[in-house]
PDB file of N, CA and C in Angstrom:
ATOM      1  N   MET A   1     -32.296   1.595 -12.596  1.00  0.00           N
ATOM      2  CA  MET A   1     -32.143   1.101 -11.218  1.00  0.00           C
ATOM      3  C   MET A   1     -32.013   2.274 -10.299  1.00  0.00           C
ATOM      4  N   LYS A   2     -32.657   2.634  -9.412  1.00  0.00           N
ATOM      5  CA  LYS A   2     -32.651   3.489  -8.225  1.00  0.00           C
ATOM      6  C   LYS A   2     -31.464   3.387  -7.532  1.00  0.00           C
ATOM      7  N   VAL A   3     -30.645   4.433  -7.403  1.00  0.00           N
ATOM      8  CA  VAL A   3     -29.454   4.502  -6.018  1.00  0.00           C
ATOM      9  C   VAL A   3     -29.306   5.540  -5.189  1.00  0.00           C
ATOM     10  N   THR A   4     -29.374   4.821  -4.205  1.00  0.00           N
ATOM     11  CA  THR A   4     -29.489   6.095  -3.112  1.00  0.00           C
ATOM     12  C   THR A   4     -28.206   5.838  -2.046  1.00  0.00           C
ATOM     13  N   GLN A   5     -27.593   6.822  -1.456  1.00  0.00           N
ATOM     14  CA  GLN A   5     -26.325   6.638  -0.451  1.00  0.00           C
ATOM     15  C   GLN A   5     -26.879   6.861   0.934  1.00  0.00           C
ATOM     16  N   GLY A   6     -26.865   6.274   1.725  1.00  0.00           N
ATOM     17  CA  GLY A   6     -27.216   6.466   2.981  1.00  0.00           C
ATOM     18  C   GLY A   6     -26.300   7.650   3.794  1.00  0.00           C
ATOM     19  N   ALA A   7     -26.861   8.422   4.936  1.00  0.00           N
ATOM     20  CA  ALA A   7     -26.024   9.372   5.287  1.00  0.00           C
ATOM     21  C   ALA A   7     -24.600   9.013   5.795  1.00  0.00           C
ATOM     22  N   SER A   8     -24.614   7.969   6.506  1.00  0.00           N
ATOM     23  CA  SER A   8     -23.091   7.526   6.942  1.00  0.00           C
ATOM     24  C   SER A   8     -22.420   7.232   5.748  1.00  0.00           C
ATOM     25  N   PHE A   9     -22.851   6.780   4.620  1.00  0.00           N
ATOM     26  CA  PHE A   9     -22.067   6.345   3.588  1.00  0.00           C
ATOM     27  C   PHE A   9     -21.471   7.173   2.726  1.00  0.00           C
ATOM     28  N   GLN A  10     -22.354   8.549   2.790  1.00  0.00           N
ATOM     29  CA  GLN A  10     -21.956   9.960   2.188  1.00  0.00           C
ATOM     30  C   GLN A  10     -20.720  10.347   3.207  1.00  0.00           C
ATOM     31  N   LYS A  11     -20.865  10.249   4.217  1.00  0.00           N
ATOM     32  CA  LYS A  11     -19.548  10.915   5.176  1.00  0.00           C
ATOM     33  C   LYS A  11     -18.474  10.100   4.898  1.00  0.00           C
ATOM     34  N   GLU A  12     -18.743   8.694   5.023  1.00  0.00           N
ATOM     35  CA  GLU A  12     -17.477   7.750   4.679  1.00  0.00           C
ATOM     36  C   GLU A  12     -16.798   8.357   3.270  1.00  0.00           C
ATOM     37  N   LEU A  13     -17.463   8.433   2.304  1.00  0.00           N
ATOM     38  CA  LEU A  13     -17.106   8.279   0.959  1.00  0.00           C
ATOM     39  C   LEU A  13     -16.604  10.066   0.815  1.00  0.00           C
ATOM     40  N   LYS A  14     -17.163  10.740   1.483  1.00  0.00           N
ATOM     41  CA  LYS A  14     -16.377  12.012   1.415  1.00  0.00           C
ATOM     42  C   LYS A  14     -14.900  12.172   2.167  1.00  0.00           C
ATOM     43  N   LYS A  15     -15.000  11.500   3.144  1.00  0.00           N
ATOM     44  CA  LYS A  15     -13.765  11.598   3.873  1.00  0.00           C
ATOM     45  C   LYS A  15     -12.696  10.625   2.995  1.00  0.00           C
ATOM     46  N   LEU A  16     -12.925   9.499   2.523  1.00  0.00           N
ATOM     47  CA  LEU A  16     -12.128   8.865   1.796  1.00  0.00           C
ATOM     48  C   LEU A  16     -11.647   9.206   0.565  1.00  0.00           C
ATOM     49  N   THR A  17     -12.675  10.137  -0.328  1.00  0.00           N
ATOM     50  CA  THR A  17     -12.274  10.720  -1.441  1.00  0.00           C
ATOM     51  C   THR A  17     -11.004  11.696  -1.341  1.00  0.00           C
ATOM     52  N   ARG A  18     -11.080  12.252  -0.098  1.00  0.00           N
ATOM     53  CA  ARG A  18      -9.922  13.238  -0.130  1.00  0.00           C
ATOM     54  C   ARG A  18      -8.727  12.513  -0.303  1.00  0.00           C
ATOM     55  N   LYS A  19      -8.475  11.347   0.401  1.00  0.00           N
ATOM     56  CA  LYS A  19      -7.409  10.305   0.358  1.00  0.00           C
ATOM     57  C   LYS A  19      -7.181   9.645  -0.856  1.00  0.00           C
ATOM     58  N   TYR A  20      -8.183   9.155  -1.537  1.00  0.00           N
ATOM     59  CA  TYR A  20      -8.298   8.435  -2.809  1.00  0.00           C
ATOM     60  C   TYR A  20      -9.016   9.227  -3.895  1.00  0.00           C
ATOM     61  N   ARG A  21      -8.265   9.970  -4.750  1.00  0.00           N
ATOM     62  CA  ARG A  21      -8.999  10.644  -5.758  1.00  0.00           C
ATOM     63  C   ARG A  21      -9.793   9.809  -6.632  1.00  0.00           C
ATOM     64  N   SER A  22      -9.562   8.596  -6.995  1.00  0.00           N
ATOM     65  CA  SER A  22     -10.334   7.993  -7.876  1.00  0.00           C
ATOM     66  C   SER A  22     -11.687   7.193  -7.508  1.00  0.00           C
ATOM     67  N   LEU A  23     -11.892   7.518  -6.036  1.00  0.00           N
ATOM     68  CA  LEU A  23     -13.029   6.559  -5.478  1.00  0.00           C
ATOM     69  C   LEU A  23     -14.507   7.011  -6.223  1.00  0.00           C
ATOM     70  N   ASP A  24     -14.439   7.999  -6.674  1.00  0.00           N
ATOM     71  CA  ASP A  24     -16.105   8.430  -7.327  1.00  0.00           C
ATOM     72  C   ASP A  24     -16.077   7.555  -8.566  1.00  0.00           C
ATOM     73  N   ALA A  25     -15.251   7.525  -9.428  1.00  0.00           N
ATOM     74  CA  ALA A  25     -15.173   6.916 -10.723  1.00  0.00           C
ATOM     75  C   ALA A  25     -15.363   5.325 -10.363  1.00  0.00           C
ATOM     76  N   ASP A  26     -14.465   5.021  -9.331  1.00  0.00           N
ATOM     77  CA  ASP A  26     -14.502   3.745  -9.048  1.00  0.00           C
ATOM     78  C   ASP A  26     -15.977   3.320  -8.463  1.00  0.00           C
ATOM     79  N   LEU A  27     -16.436   3.881  -7.866  1.00  0.00           N
ATOM     80  CA  LEU A  27     -17.812   3.687  -7.460  1.00  0.00           C
ATOM     81  C   LEU A  27     -18.883   3.467  -8.477  1.00  0.00           C
ATOM     82  N   ASP A  28     -18.811   4.378  -9.951  1.00  0.00           N
ATOM     83  CA  ASP A  28     -19.622   4.310 -10.781  1.00  0.00           C
ATOM     84  C   ASP A  28     -19.367   3.062 -11.522  1.00  0.00           C
ATOM     85  N   VAL A  29     -18.014   2.644 -11.623  1.00  0.00           N
ATOM     86  CA  VAL A  29     -17.870   1.073 -12.193  1.00  0.00           C
ATOM     87  C   VAL A  29     -18.427   0.252 -11.369  1.00  0.00           C
ATOM     88  N   LEU A  30     -18.558   0.140 -10.099  1.00  0.00           N
ATOM     89  CA  LEU A  30     -19.032  -0.747  -9.106  1.00  0.00           C
ATOM     90  C   LEU A  30     -20.663  -0.822  -9.573  1.00  0.00           C
ATOM     91  N   GLU A  31     -21.214   0.347  -9.671  1.00  0.00           N
ATOM     92  CA  GLU A  31     -22.669   0.205  -9.679  1.00  0.00           C
ATOM     93  C   GLU A  31     -23.095  -0.217 -11.102  1.00  0.00           C
ATOM     94  N   ARG A  32     -22.360  -0.398 -12.077  1.00  0.00           N
ATOM     95  CA  ARG A  32     -22.354  -1.115 -13.308  1.00  0.00           C
ATOM     96  C   ARG A  32     -22.168  -2.504 -13.266  1.00  0.00           C
ATOM     97  N   LEU A  33     -21.311  -2.946 -12.281  1.00  0.00           N
ATOM     98  CA  LEU A  33     -21.235  -4.334 -11.897  1.00  0.00           C
ATOM     99  C   LEU A  33     -22.487  -4.816 -11.289  1.00  0.00           C
ATOM    100  N   ILE A  34     -22.761  -4.164 -10.128  1.00  0.00           N
ATOM    101  CA  ILE A  34     -23.992  -4.505  -9.336  1.00  0.00           C
ATOM    102  C   ILE A  34     -25.231  -4.621 -10.346  1.00  0.00           C
ATOM    103  N   GLU A  35     -25.595  -3.757 -11.088  1.00  0.00           N
ATOM    104  CA  GLU A  35     -26.472  -3.847 -12.059  1.00  0.00           C
ATOM    105  C   GLU A  35     -26.429  -5.193 -12.946  1.00  0.00           C
ATOM    106  N   SER A  36     -25.145  -5.826 -13.063  1.00  0.00           N
ATOM    107  CA  SER A  36     -25.290  -6.946 -13.905  1.00  0.00           C
ATOM    108  C   SER A  36     -25.538  -8.064 -13.045  1.00  0.00           C
ATOM    109  N   PHE A  37     -24.983  -8.014 -11.795  1.00  0.00           N
ATOM    110  CA  PHE A  37     -24.722  -9.234 -10.567  1.00  0.00           C
ATOM    111  C   PHE A  37     -25.188  -8.527  -9.499  1.00  0.00           C
ATOM    112  N   PRO A  38     -26.443  -8.280  -9.359  1.00  0.00           N
ATOM    113  CA  PRO A  38     -27.005  -7.695  -7.992  1.00  0.00           C
ATOM    114  C   PRO A  38     -26.952  -8.232  -6.838  1.00  0.00           C
ATOM    115  N   PHE A  39     -27.023 -10.052  -7.052  1.00  0.00           N
ATOM    116  CA  PHE A  39     -27.165 -10.616  -6.028  1.00  0.00           C
ATOM    117  C   PHE A  39     -25.683 -11.401  -5.535  1.00  0.00           C
ATOM    118  N   GLY A  40     -24.856 -10.664  -6.455  1.00  0.00           N
ATOM    119  CA  GLY A  40     -23.542 -11.269  -6.309  1.00  0.00           C
ATOM    120  C   GLY A  40     -23.267 -12.876  -6.849  1.00  0.00           C
ATOM    121  N   GLU A  41     -23.725 -12.947  -8.092  1.00  0.00           N
ATOM    122  CA  GLU A  41     -23.655 -14.252  -8.624  1.00  0.00           C
ATOM    123  C   GLU A  41     -21.804 -14.379  -9.177  1.00  0.00           C
ATOM    124  N   ASP A  42     -21.216 -13.473  -9.118  1.00  0.00           N
ATOM    125  CA  ASP A  42     -19.774 -13.318  -9.291  1.00  0.00           C
ATOM    126  C   ASP A  42     -19.330 -13.526  -7.836  1.00  0.00           C
ATOM    127  N   ALA A  43     -19.581 -14.765  -6.954  1.00  0.00           N
ATOM    128  CA  ALA A  43     -19.226 -14.778  -5.900  1.00  0.00           C
ATOM    129  C   ALA A  43     -18.010 -14.871  -5.103  1.00  0.00           C
ATOM    130  N   ARG A  44     -16.981 -14.583  -6.150  1.00  0.00           N
ATOM    131  CA  ARG A  44     -15.466 -14.529  -5.660  1.00  0.00           C
ATOM    132  C   ARG A  44     -15.428 -13.219  -4.942  1.00  0.00           C
ATOM    133  N   HIS A  45     -16.223 -12.198  -5.558  1.00  0.00           N
ATOM    134  CA  HIS A  45     -15.951 -10.847  -4.917  1.00  0.00           C
ATOM    135  C   HIS A  45     -17.395 -10.352  -4.022  1.00  0.00           C
ATOM    136  N   CYS A  46     -18.257 -11.107  -4.114  1.00  0.00           N
ATOM    137  CA  CYS A  46     -19.338 -10.799  -3.312  1.00  0.00           C
ATOM    138  C   CYS A  46     -19.858 -11.797  -2.467  1.00  0.00           C
ATOM    139  N   THR A  47     -20.498 -11.064  -1.179  1.00  0.00           N
ATOM    140  CA  THR A  47     -20.749 -11.881  -0.277  1.00  0.00           C
ATOM    141  C   THR A  47     -22.062 -11.621   0.175  1.00  0.00           C
ATOM    142  N   ALA A  48     -23.141 -12.680   0.341  1.00  0.00           N
ATOM    143  CA  ALA A  48     -24.698 -12.301   0.657  1.00  0.00           C
ATOM    144  C   ALA A  48     -24.251 -12.141   2.156  1.00  0.00           C
ATOM    145  N   LEU A  49     -24.705 -11.106   3.045  1.00  0.00           N
ATOM    146  CA  LEU A  49     -24.814 -11.275   4.391  1.00  0.00           C
ATOM    147  C   LEU A  49     -26.028 -11.664   4.965  1.00  0.00           C
ATOM    148  N   LYS A  50     -27.362 -11.142   4.103  1.00  0.00           N
ATOM    149  CA  LYS A  50     -28.525 -11.511   4.493  1.00  0.00           C
ATOM    150  C   LYS A  50     -29.401 -11.837   3.029  1.00  0.00           C
ATOM    151  N   ARG A  51     -30.074 -12.511   3.343  1.00  0.00           N
ATOM    152  CA  ARG A  51     -31.092 -12.798   2.207  1.00  0.00           C
ATOM    153  C   ARG A  51     -32.197 -13.069   2.550  1.00  0.00           C
ATOM    154  N   ASP A  52     -33.410 -12.632   1.929  1.00  0.00           N
ATOM    155  CA  ASP A  52     -34.857 -12.835   2.141  1.00  0.00           C
ATOM    156  C   ASP A  52     -35.628 -12.790   0.830  1.00  0.00           C
ATOM    157  N   GLY A  53     -35.800 -13.879   0.034  1.00  0.00           N
ATOM    158  CA  GLY A  53     -36.491 -13.694  -1.257  1.00  0.00           C
ATOM    159  C   GLY A  53     -35.750 -12.958  -2.139  1.00  0.00           C
ATOM    160  N   ASP A  54     -36.432 -11.769  -2.712  1.00  0.00           N
ATOM    161  CA  ASP A  54     -35.467 -11.028  -3.633  1.00  0.00           C
ATOM    162  C   ASP A  54     -34.835 -10.095  -2.889  1.00  0.00           C
ATOM    163  N   LYS A  55     -34.947  -9.626  -1.553  1.00  0.00           N
ATOM    164  CA  LYS A  55     -34.092  -8.828  -0.854  1.00  0.00           C
ATOM    165  C   LYS A  55     -32.724  -9.396  -0.413  1.00  0.00           C
ATOM    166  N   CYS A  56     -31.735  -8.463  -0.483  1.00  0.00           N
ATOM    167  CA  CYS A  56     -30.414  -9.171  -0.176  1.00  0.00           C
ATOM    168  C   CYS A  56     -29.300  -7.810   0.605  1.00  0.00           C
ATOM    169  N   LEU A  57     -28.793  -8.087   1.641  1.00  0.00           N
ATOM    170  CA  LEU A  57     -27.535  -7.134   1.978  1.00  0.00           C
ATOM    171  C   LEU A  57     -26.443  -7.881   1.424  1.00  0.00           C
ATOM    172  N   CYS A  58     -25.843  -7.468   0.880  1.00  0.00           N
ATOM    173  CA  CYS A  58     -24.547  -7.848   0.102  1.00  0.00           C
ATOM    174  C   CYS A  58     -23.254  -6.828   0.724  1.00  0.00           C
ATOM    175  N   LYS A  59     -22.175  -7.786   0.653  1.00  0.00           N
ATOM    176  CA  LYS A  59     -21.022  -7.155   0.937  1.00  0.00           C
ATOM    177  C   LYS A  59     -19.826  -7.399  -0.366  1.00  0.00           C
ATOM    178  N   ARG A  60     -19.398  -6.424  -0.944  1.00  0.00           N
ATOM    179  CA  ARG A  60     -18.533  -6.524  -2.178  1.00  0.00           C
ATOM    180  C   ARG A  60     -17.340  -5.943  -2.008  1.00  0.00           C
ATOM    181  N   ARG A  61     -16.466  -6.421  -2.857  1.00  0.00           N
ATOM    182  CA  ARG A  61     -14.879  -5.822  -2.927  1.00  0.00           C
ATOM    183  C   ARG A  61     -15.036  -4.843  -4.094  1.00  0.00           C
ATOM    184  N   MET A  62     -14.421  -3.752  -3.812  1.00  0.00           N
ATOM    185  CA  MET A  62     -14.247  -2.859  -4.738  1.00  0.00           C
ATOM    186  C   MET A  62     -12.851  -2.425  -5.088  1.00  0.00           C
ATOM    187  N   MET A  63     -12.755  -2.240  -6.511  1.00  0.00           N
ATOM    188  CA  MET A  63     -11.343  -1.828  -6.940  1.00  0.00           C
ATOM    189  C   MET A  63     -11.152  -0.477  -6.767  1.00  0.00           C
ATOM    190  N   CYS A  64      -9.984  -0.025  -6.221  1.00  0.00           N
ATOM    191  CA  CYS A  64      -9.778   1.470  -6.106  1.00  0.00           C
ATOM    192  C   CYS A  64      -8.489   1.712  -7.175  1.00  0.00           C
ATOM    193  N   ARG A  65      -8.567   2.458  -7.876  1.00  0.00           N
ATOM    194  CA  ARG A  65      -7.632   2.660  -8.984  1.00  0.00           C
ATOM    195  C   ARG A  65      -6.375   3.431  -8.254  1.00  0.00           C
ATOM    196  N   SER A  66      -6.604   4.245  -7.392  1.00  0.00           N
ATOM    197  CA  SER A  66      -5.625   5.133  -6.614  1.00  0.00           C
ATOM    198  C   SER A  66      -4.839   4.263  -5.920  1.00  0.00           C
ATOM    199  N   LEU A  67      -5.104   2.930  -5.382  1.00  0.00           N
ATOM    200  CA  LEU A  67      -4.573   1.891  -4.688  1.00  0.00           C
ATOM    201  C   LEU A  67      -3.797   0.443  -5.555  1.00  0.00           C
ATOM    202  N   LYS A  68      -4.700   0.747  -6.478  1.00  0.00           N
ATOM    203  CA  LYS A  68      -4.256  -0.531  -7.673  1.00  0.00           C
ATOM    204  C   LYS A  68      -4.715  -2.139  -6.800  1.00  0.00           C
ATOM    205  N   SER A  69      -5.732  -1.989  -6.125  1.00  0.00           N
ATOM    206  CA  SER A  69      -5.953  -3.315  -5.272  1.00  0.00           C
ATOM    207  C   SER A  69      -7.573  -2.987  -5.027  1.00  0.00           C
ATOM    208  N   THR A  70      -8.203  -4.216  -4.528  1.00  0.00           N
ATOM    209  CA  THR A  70      -9.485  -4.500  -4.032  1.00  0.00           C
ATOM    210  C   THR A  70      -9.649  -4.284  -2.631  1.00  0.00           C
ATOM    211  N   GLU A  71      -8.871  -3.265  -1.773  1.00  0.00           N
ATOM    212  CA  GLU A  71      -8.899  -3.292  -0.357  1.00  0.00           C
ATOM    213  C   GLU A  71     -10.124  -2.455  -0.161  1.00  0.00           C
ATOM    214  N   PHE A  72     -11.113  -1.803  -0.818  1.00  0.00           N
ATOM    215  CA  PHE A  72     -12.221  -1.228  -0.174  1.00  0.00           C
ATOM    216  C   PHE A  72     -13.333  -2.018  -0.375  1.00  0.00           C
ATOM    217  N   ARG A  73     -14.176  -2.149   0.610  1.00  0.00           N
ATOM    218  CA  ARG A  73     -15.506  -3.114   0.660  1.00  0.00           C
ATOM    219  C   ARG A  73     -16.627  -1.911   0.663  1.00  0.00           C
ATOM    220  N   VAL A  74     -17.886  -2.449   0.067  1.00  0.00           N
ATOM    221  CA  VAL A  74     -19.002  -1.567   0.085  1.00  0.00           C
ATOM    222  C   VAL A  74     -20.089  -2.564   0.473  1.00  0.00           C
ATOM    223  N   VAL A  75     -21.056  -2.108   1.434  1.00  0.00           N
ATOM    224  CA  VAL A  75     -21.968  -2.990   1.886  1.00  0.00           C
ATOM    225  C   VAL A  75     -23.429  -2.214   1.292  1.00  0.00           C
ATOM    226  N   TYR A  76     -24.017  -3.088   0.534  1.00  0.00           N
ATOM    227  CA  TYR A  76     -25.389  -2.294   0.031  1.00  0.00           C
ATOM    228  C   TYR A  76     -26.577  -3.256   0.298  1.00  0.00           C
ATOM    229  N   TYR A  77     -27.756  -2.635  -0.131  1.00  0.00           N
ATOM    230  CA  TYR A  77     -28.994  -3.343   0.097  1.00  0.00           C
ATOM    231  C   TYR A  77     -29.446  -3.271  -1.201  1.00  0.00           C
ATOM    232  N   TYR A  78     -29.869  -4.526  -1.788  1.00  0.00           N
ATOM    233  CA  TYR A  78     -30.762  -4.691  -2.927  1.00  0.00           C
ATOM    234  C   TYR A  78     -32.029  -5.144  -3.046  1.00  0.00           C
ATOM    235  N   ASP A  79     -33.045  -4.315  -3.390  1.00  0.00           N
ATOM    236  CA  ASP A  79     -34.505  -4.893  -3.323  1.00  0.00           C
ATOM    237  C   ASP A  79     -34.868  -5.294  -4.848  1.00  0.00           C
ATOM    238  N   GLY A  80     -34.726  -6.401  -4.990  1.00  0.00           N
ATOM    239  CA  GLY A  80     -34.929  -7.122  -6.389  1.00  0.00           C
ATOM    240  C   GLY A  80     -36.282  -6.651  -7.169  1.00  0.00           C
ATOM    241  N   THR A  81     -37.235  -6.370  -6.317  1.00  0.00           N
ATOM    242  CA  THR A  81     -38.778  -6.146  -6.902  1.00  0.00           C
ATOM    243  C   THR A  81     -38.782  -4.871  -7.311  1.00  0.00           C
ATOM    244  N   GLU A  82     -38.117  -3.834  -6.606  1.00  0.00           N
ATOM    245  CA  GLU A  82     -38.109  -2.423  -6.741  1.00  0.00           C
ATOM    246  C   GLU A  82     -36.802  -1.760  -7.509  1.00  0.00           C
ATOM    247  N   LEU A  83     -35.883  -2.766  -7.586  1.00  0.00           N
ATOM    248  CA  LEU A  83     -34.441  -2.161  -8.415  1.00  0.00           C
ATOM    249  C   LEU A  83     -34.066  -1.121  -7.698  1.00  0.00           C
ATOM    250  N   GLU A  84     -34.051  -1.366  -6.332  1.00  0.00           N
ATOM    251  CA  GLU A  84     -33.415  -0.166  -5.446  1.00  0.00           C
ATOM    252  C   GLU A  84     -32.417  -0.774  -4.672  1.00  0.00           C
ATOM    253  N   LEU A  85     -31.044   0.106  -5.120  1.00  0.00           N
ATOM    254  CA  LEU A  85     -29.740  -0.113  -4.451  1.00  0.00           C
ATOM    255  C   LEU A  85     -29.670   0.908  -3.513  1.00  0.00           C
ATOM    256  N   VAL A  86     -29.433   0.612  -2.031  1.00  0.00           N
ATOM    257  CA  VAL A  86     -29.135   1.455  -1.199  1.00  0.00           C
ATOM    258  C   VAL A  86     -27.445   1.183  -0.572  1.00  0.00           C
ATOM    259  N   TYR A  87     -26.691   2.266  -0.799  1.00  0.00           N
ATOM    260  CA  TYR A  87     -25.454   1.924  -0.204  1.00  0.00           C
ATOM    261  C   TYR A  87     -25.634   2.104   1.384  1.00  0.00           C
ATOM    262  N   LEU A  88     -24.642   1.545   1.951  1.00  0.00           N
ATOM    263  CA  LEU A  88     -24.769   1.463   3.677  1.00  0.00           C
ATOM    264  C   LEU A  88     -23.477   1.809   4.305  1.00  0.00           C
ATOM    265  N   GLU A  89     -22.612   1.247   3.618  1.00  0.00           N
ATOM    266  CA  GLU A  89     -21.236   1.484   4.467  1.00  0.00           C
ATOM    267  C   GLU A  89     -19.967   1.023   3.327  1.00  0.00           C
ATOM    268  N   LEU A  90     -19.088   1.868   3.270  1.00  0.00           N
ATOM    269  CA  LEU A  90     -17.664   1.820   2.575  1.00  0.00           C
ATOM    270  C   LEU A  90     -16.699   1.904   3.699  1.00  0.00           C
ATOM    271  N   TYR A  91     -15.806   1.244   3.385  1.00  0.00           N
ATOM    272  CA  TYR A  91     -14.532   1.057   4.251  1.00  0.00           C
ATOM    273  C   TYR A  91     -13.334   0.498   3.435  1.00  0.00           C
ATOM    274  N   PHE A  92     -12.061   0.944   4.171  1.00  0.00           N
ATOM    275  CA  PHE A  92     -10.779   0.408   3.572  1.00  0.00           C
ATOM    276  C   PHE A  92     -10.416  -0.491   4.544  1.00  0.00           C
ATOM    277  N   LYS A  93     -10.182  -1.591   3.966  1.00  0.00           N
ATOM    278  CA  LYS A  93      -9.574  -2.614   4.716  1.00  0.00           C
ATOM    279  C   LYS A  93      -8.683  -2.769   5.504  1.00  0.00           C
ATOM    280  N   GLY A  94      -7.788  -1.626   5.530  1.00  0.00           N
ATOM    281  CA  GLY A  94      -6.673  -1.643   6.177  1.00  0.00           C
ATOM    282  C   GLY A  94      -7.066  -0.610   7.563  1.00  0.00           C
ATOM    283  N   ASP A  95      -7.931   0.081   7.439  1.00  0.00           N
ATOM    284  CA  ASP A  95      -8.226   0.994   8.651  1.00  0.00           C
ATOM    285  C   ASP A  95      -9.358   0.141   9.454  1.00  0.00           C
ATOM    286  N   LYS A  96     -10.188  -0.748   8.581  1.00  0.00           N
ATOM    287  CA  LYS A  96     -11.445  -1.296   9.468  1.00  0.00           C
ATOM    288  C   LYS A  96     -11.460  -2.723   9.284  1.00  0.00           C
ATOM    289  N   GLU A  97     -11.219  -3.634  10.015  1.00  0.00           N
ATOM    290  CA  GLU A  97     -11.410  -5.098   9.552  1.00  0.00           C
ATOM    291  C   GLU A  97     -12.962  -5.711   9.203  1.00  0.00           C
ATOM    292  N   THR A  98     -14.072  -5.078   9.817  1.00  0.00           N
ATOM    293  CA  THR A  98     -15.309  -5.722   9.290  1.00  0.00           C
ATOM    294  C   THR A  98     -15.954  -4.653   9.026  1.00  0.00           C
ATOM    295  N   GLU A  99     -17.293  -4.936   8.623  1.00  0.00           N
ATOM    296  CA  GLU A  99     -18.417  -4.038   8.746  1.00  0.00           C
ATOM    297  C   GLU A  99     -19.125  -3.693   9.897  1.00  0.00           C
ATOM    298  N   ASN A 100     -20.161  -2.672   9.964  1.00  0.00           N
ATOM    299  CA  ASN A 100     -20.631  -2.445  11.270  1.00  0.00           C
ATOM    300  C   ASN A 100     -21.990  -3.258  11.380  1.00  0.00           C
ATOM    301  N   ASN A 101     -21.735  -4.288  12.264  1.00  0.00           N
ATOM    302  CA  ASN A 101     -22.869  -5.184  12.092  1.00  0.00           C
ATOM    303  C   ASN A 101     -23.962  -4.502  12.855  1.00  0.00           C
ATOM    304  N   GLU A 102     -23.937  -3.737  13.636  1.00  0.00           N
ATOM    305  CA  GLU A 102     -25.043  -3.069  14.532  1.00  0.00           C
ATOM    306  C   GLU A 102     -25.976  -2.132  13.495  1.00  0.00           C
ATOM    307  N   ARG A 103     -25.421  -1.510  12.620  1.00  0.00           N
ATOM    308  CA  ARG A 103     -25.834  -0.640  11.845  1.00  0.00           C
ATOM    309  C   ARG A 103     -26.681  -1.303  10.574  1.00  0.00           C
ATOM    310  N   LEU A 104     -25.975  -2.366  10.248  1.00  0.00           N
ATOM    311  CA  LEU A 104     -26.562  -3.121   9.083  1.00  0.00           C
ATOM    312  C   LEU A 104     -27.722  -4.198   9.748  1.00  0.00           C
ATOM    313  N   GLU A 105     -27.804  -4.862  10.849  1.00  0.00           N
ATOM    314  CA  GLU A 105     -28.708  -5.214  11.461  1.00  0.00           C
ATOM    315  C   GLU A 105     -29.938  -4.338  11.706  1.00  0.00           C
ATOM    316  N   LYS A 106     -29.797  -3.128  12.000  1.00  0.00           N
ATOM    317  CA  LYS A 106     -30.910  -2.078  12.337  1.00  0.00           C
ATOM    318  C   LYS A 106     -31.393  -1.741  10.846  1.00  0.00           C
ATOM    319  N   PHE A 107     -30.868  -1.673   9.988  1.00  0.00           N
ATOM    320  CA  PHE A 107     -31.437  -1.119   8.756  1.00  0.00           C
ATOM    321  C   PHE A 107     -32.033  -2.556   8.110  1.00  0.00           C
ATOM    322  N   TRP A 108     -31.550  -3.787   8.181  1.00  0.00           N
ATOM    323  CA  TRP A 108     -31.952  -5.165   7.698  1.00  0.00           C
ATOM    324  C   TRP A 108     -33.388  -5.242   8.371  1.00  0.00           C
ATOM    325  N   GLN A 109     -33.707  -4.762   9.720  1.00  0.00           N
ATOM    326  CA  GLN A 109     -34.869  -5.101  10.483  1.00  0.00           C
ATOM    327  C   GLN A 109     -36.017  -3.985   9.934  1.00  0.00           C
ATOM    328  N   GLU A 110     -35.549  -2.757   9.669  1.00  0.00           N
ATOM    329  CA  GLU A 110     -36.208  -1.888   9.110  1.00  0.00           C
ATOM    330  C   GLU A 110     -36.938  -2.264   8.028  1.00  0.00           C
ATOM    331  N   LYS A 111     -36.078  -2.803   6.956  1.00  0.00           N
ATOM    332  CA  LYS A 111     -36.481  -3.234   5.608  1.00  0.00           C
ATOM    333  C   LYS A 111     -37.413  -4.314   5.583  1.00  0.00           C
ATOM    334  N   THR A 112     -36.981  -5.283   6.415  1.00  0.00           N
ATOM    335  CA  THR A 112     -37.804  -6.773   6.429  1.00  0.00           C
ATOM    336  C   THR A 112     -39.342  -6.518   7.134  1.00  0.00           C
ATOM    337  N   SER A 113     -39.291  -5.595   8.139  1.00  0.00           N
ATOM    338  CA  SER A 113     -40.449  -5.523   8.884  1.00  0.00           C
ATOM    339  C   SER A 113     -41.432  -4.924   8.047  1.00  0.00           C
ATOM    340  N   ASP A 114     -41.246  -4.289   6.901  1.00  0.00           N
ATOM    341  CA  ASP A 114     -42.320  -3.663   6.333  1.00  0.00           C
ATOM    342  C   ASP A 114     -43.077  -4.710   5.229  1.00  0.00           C
ATOM    343  N   LEU A 115     -42.629  -5.987   5.546  1.00  0.00           N
ATOM    344  CA  LEU A 115     -43.293  -7.030   4.806  1.00  0.00           C
ATOM    345  C   LEU A 115     -44.798  -7.492   5.095  1.00  0.00           C
TER     346      LEU A 115
END
């Protein structure tokens, strides 16, 4: 599976990693989980925000060992035909209530207009 991180995701990750040291390792665990359940079949921890055929924009809870809780949220795009995983947003639920809908809608329009 090809994994890429968006520029804004990298900035958020760098900022949050300073405070939560286990975040890089936690992200590796999340990648393995996404490989097993890319469309969020384990529905308790994943929500499909948008879906069009094999393409899916999902928000998933992420366990952080530094906090010992699932207070992090990761928004990603999964293209089932090319096995492409693009991380779009990472945020701590205590700092930010919900994802950036404008950023996600813009990305979704770019990806689905290629059809």
